[in-house]
């Protein structure tokens, strides 16, 4: 099932864009969204910032 997550994500993006087009806002999708901080943790952003800090 290597493509399953990609297909689910694509459908969610399509839904979000349709919501924005139809309603002018994505406020109705807030409960379906991952928190920004949680997303940053998921992609390893804190580690990137730490790495960057060593070279400033």
N, C-alpha and C. Protein backbone atom coordinates (compact mmCIF):
# COMPACT_ATOMS: atom_id res chain seq x y z
N UNK A 1 0.82 -1.20 0.00
CA UNK A 1 0.00 0.00 0.00
C UNK A 1 0.86 1.26 0.00
N UNK A 2 1.87 1.31 -0.84
CA UNK A 2 2.80 2.44 -0.78
C UNK A 2 2.20 3.79 -1.17
N UNK A 3 1.13 3.81 -1.92
CA UNK A 3 0.58 5.09 -2.38
C UNK A 3 -0.65 5.54 -1.59
N UNK A 4 -1.09 4.72 -0.65
CA UNK A 4 -2.32 5.02 0.09
C UNK A 4 -2.29 6.39 0.76
N UNK A 5 -1.24 6.69 1.50
CA UNK A 5 -1.17 7.98 2.20
C UNK A 5 -1.16 9.15 1.23
N UNK A 6 -0.49 8.99 0.12
CA UNK A 6 -0.45 10.05 -0.89
C UNK A 6 -1.84 10.31 -1.47
N UNK A 7 -2.58 9.26 -1.75
CA UNK A 7 -3.93 9.42 -2.30
C UNK A 7 -4.88 10.05 -1.28
N UNK A 8 -4.76 9.67 -0.03
CA UNK A 8 -5.58 10.28 1.03
C UNK A 8 -5.24 11.76 1.16
N UNK A 9 -3.95 12.09 1.14
CA UNK A 9 -3.53 13.49 1.25
C UNK A 9 -4.03 14.30 0.06
N UNK A 10 -3.96 13.74 -1.14
CA UNK A 10 -4.42 14.44 -2.34
C UNK A 10 -5.92 14.74 -2.25
N UNK A 11 -6.68 13.78 -1.77
CA UNK A 11 -8.13 13.98 -1.61
C UNK A 11 -8.41 15.08 -0.58
N UNK A 12 -7.66 15.09 0.51
CA UNK A 12 -7.83 16.12 1.54
C UNK A 12 -7.48 17.50 0.99
N UNK A 13 -6.43 17.59 0.17
CA UNK A 13 -6.06 18.87 -0.44
C UNK A 13 -7.14 19.35 -1.40
N UNK A 14 -7.69 18.42 -2.15
CA UNK A 14 -8.77 18.76 -3.07
C UNK A 14 -9.98 19.28 -2.30
N UNK A 15 -10.33 18.62 -1.21
CA UNK A 15 -11.45 19.04 -0.37
C UNK A 15 -11.20 20.44 0.19
N UNK A 16 -9.98 20.70 0.64
CA UNK A 16 -9.65 22.01 1.21
C UNK A 16 -9.76 23.11 0.16
N UNK A 17 -9.29 22.85 -1.05
CA UNK A 17 -9.35 23.85 -2.10
C UNK A 17 -10.79 24.10 -2.56
N UNK A 18 -11.59 23.04 -2.58
CA UNK A 18 -13.01 23.20 -2.93
C UNK A 18 -13.72 24.03 -1.87
N UNK A 19 -13.41 23.79 -0.61
CA UNK A 19 -13.98 24.56 0.50
C UNK A 19 -13.60 26.04 0.37
N UNK A 20 -12.35 26.30 0.08
CA UNK A 20 -11.88 27.67 -0.08
C UNK A 20 -12.56 28.36 -1.27
N UNK A 21 -12.68 27.64 -2.36
CA UNK A 21 -13.33 28.19 -3.56
C UNK A 21 -14.81 28.47 -3.30
N UNK A 22 -15.50 27.52 -2.70
CA UNK A 22 -16.95 27.64 -2.50
C UNK A 22 -17.32 28.62 -1.39
N UNK A 23 -16.54 28.65 -0.32
CA UNK A 23 -16.92 29.43 0.86
C UNK A 23 -16.00 30.62 1.14
N UNK A 24 -14.87 30.67 0.44
CA UNK A 24 -13.94 31.77 0.66
C UNK A 24 -13.13 31.64 1.94
N UNK A 25 -13.22 30.50 2.59
CA UNK A 25 -12.49 30.27 3.84
C UNK A 25 -12.31 28.76 4.04
N UNK A 26 -11.34 28.41 4.85
CA UNK A 26 -11.16 27.00 5.23
C UNK A 26 -11.48 26.79 6.70
N UNK A 27 -12.15 27.76 7.30
CA UNK A 27 -12.48 27.69 8.72
C UNK A 27 -13.25 26.41 9.07
N UNK A 28 -14.08 25.94 8.16
CA UNK A 28 -14.86 24.73 8.40
C UNK A 28 -14.03 23.46 8.45
N UNK A 29 -12.76 23.56 8.10
CA UNK A 29 -11.88 22.39 8.08
C UNK A 29 -10.93 22.34 9.28
N UNK A 30 -11.04 23.30 10.17
CA UNK A 30 -10.09 23.41 11.29
C UNK A 30 -9.98 22.10 12.07
N UNK A 31 -11.08 21.43 12.30
CA UNK A 31 -11.04 20.18 13.07
C UNK A 31 -10.37 19.04 12.32
N UNK A 32 -10.23 19.18 11.00
CA UNK A 32 -9.55 18.17 10.19
C UNK A 32 -8.06 18.45 10.04
N UNK A 33 -7.63 19.62 10.49
CA UNK A 33 -6.23 20.03 10.30
C UNK A 33 -5.36 19.61 11.47
N UNK A 34 -4.13 19.27 11.14
CA UNK A 34 -3.11 19.04 12.15
C UNK A 34 -2.65 20.40 12.66
N UNK A 35 -2.40 20.52 13.93
CA UNK A 35 -1.89 21.77 14.49
C UNK A 35 -0.54 22.08 13.86
N UNK A 36 -0.26 23.37 13.63
CA UNK A 36 0.98 23.79 12.99
C UNK A 36 2.20 23.29 13.75
N UNK A 37 2.17 23.40 15.07
CA UNK A 37 3.29 22.93 15.89
C UNK A 37 3.48 21.42 15.75
N UNK A 38 2.39 20.68 15.71
CA UNK A 38 2.47 19.22 15.53
C UNK A 38 3.07 18.88 14.17
N UNK A 39 2.69 19.64 13.14
CA UNK A 39 3.24 19.43 11.80
C UNK A 39 4.75 19.69 11.80
N UNK A 40 5.15 20.79 12.43
CA UNK A 40 6.58 21.10 12.50
C UNK A 40 7.36 19.99 13.19
N UNK A 41 6.81 19.44 14.26
CA UNK A 41 7.45 18.33 14.95
C UNK A 41 7.52 17.10 14.05
N UNK A 42 6.45 16.83 13.32
CA UNK A 42 6.40 15.67 12.43
C UNK A 42 7.49 15.72 11.37
N UNK A 43 7.73 16.89 10.81
CA UNK A 43 8.72 17.00 9.73
C UNK A 43 10.14 17.25 10.25
N UNK A 44 10.29 17.31 11.57
CA UNK A 44 11.61 17.45 12.16
C UNK A 44 12.15 18.87 12.16
N UNK A 45 11.27 19.85 12.12
CA UNK A 45 11.70 21.24 12.06
C UNK A 45 12.53 21.66 13.27
N UNK A 46 12.18 21.24 14.49
CA UNK A 46 13.03 21.62 15.63
C UNK A 46 14.48 21.17 15.47
N UNK A 47 14.68 20.00 14.89
CA UNK A 47 16.04 19.51 14.66
C UNK A 47 16.76 20.36 13.63
N UNK A 48 16.04 20.80 12.60
CA UNK A 48 16.63 21.66 11.58
C UNK A 48 17.07 22.98 12.20
N UNK A 49 16.22 23.57 13.03
CA UNK A 49 16.56 24.84 13.69
C UNK A 49 17.78 24.66 14.59
N UNK A 50 17.86 23.54 15.27
CA UNK A 50 19.01 23.27 16.13
C UNK A 50 20.28 23.16 15.29
N UNK A 51 20.19 22.47 14.19
CA UNK A 51 21.32 22.32 13.28
C UNK A 51 21.76 23.68 12.74
N UNK A 52 20.80 24.50 12.35
CA UNK A 52 21.11 25.84 11.83
C UNK A 52 21.82 26.68 12.88
N UNK A 53 21.38 26.55 14.12
CA UNK A 53 21.95 27.33 15.20
C UNK A 53 23.43 27.10 15.41
N UNK A 54 23.90 25.92 15.05
CA UNK A 54 25.32 25.61 15.21
C UNK A 54 26.20 26.33 14.20
N UNK A 55 25.59 26.85 13.14
CA UNK A 55 26.38 27.46 12.07
C UNK A 55 26.09 28.95 11.91
N UNK A 56 25.58 29.58 12.94
CA UNK A 56 25.33 31.03 12.88
C UNK A 56 26.47 31.79 13.45
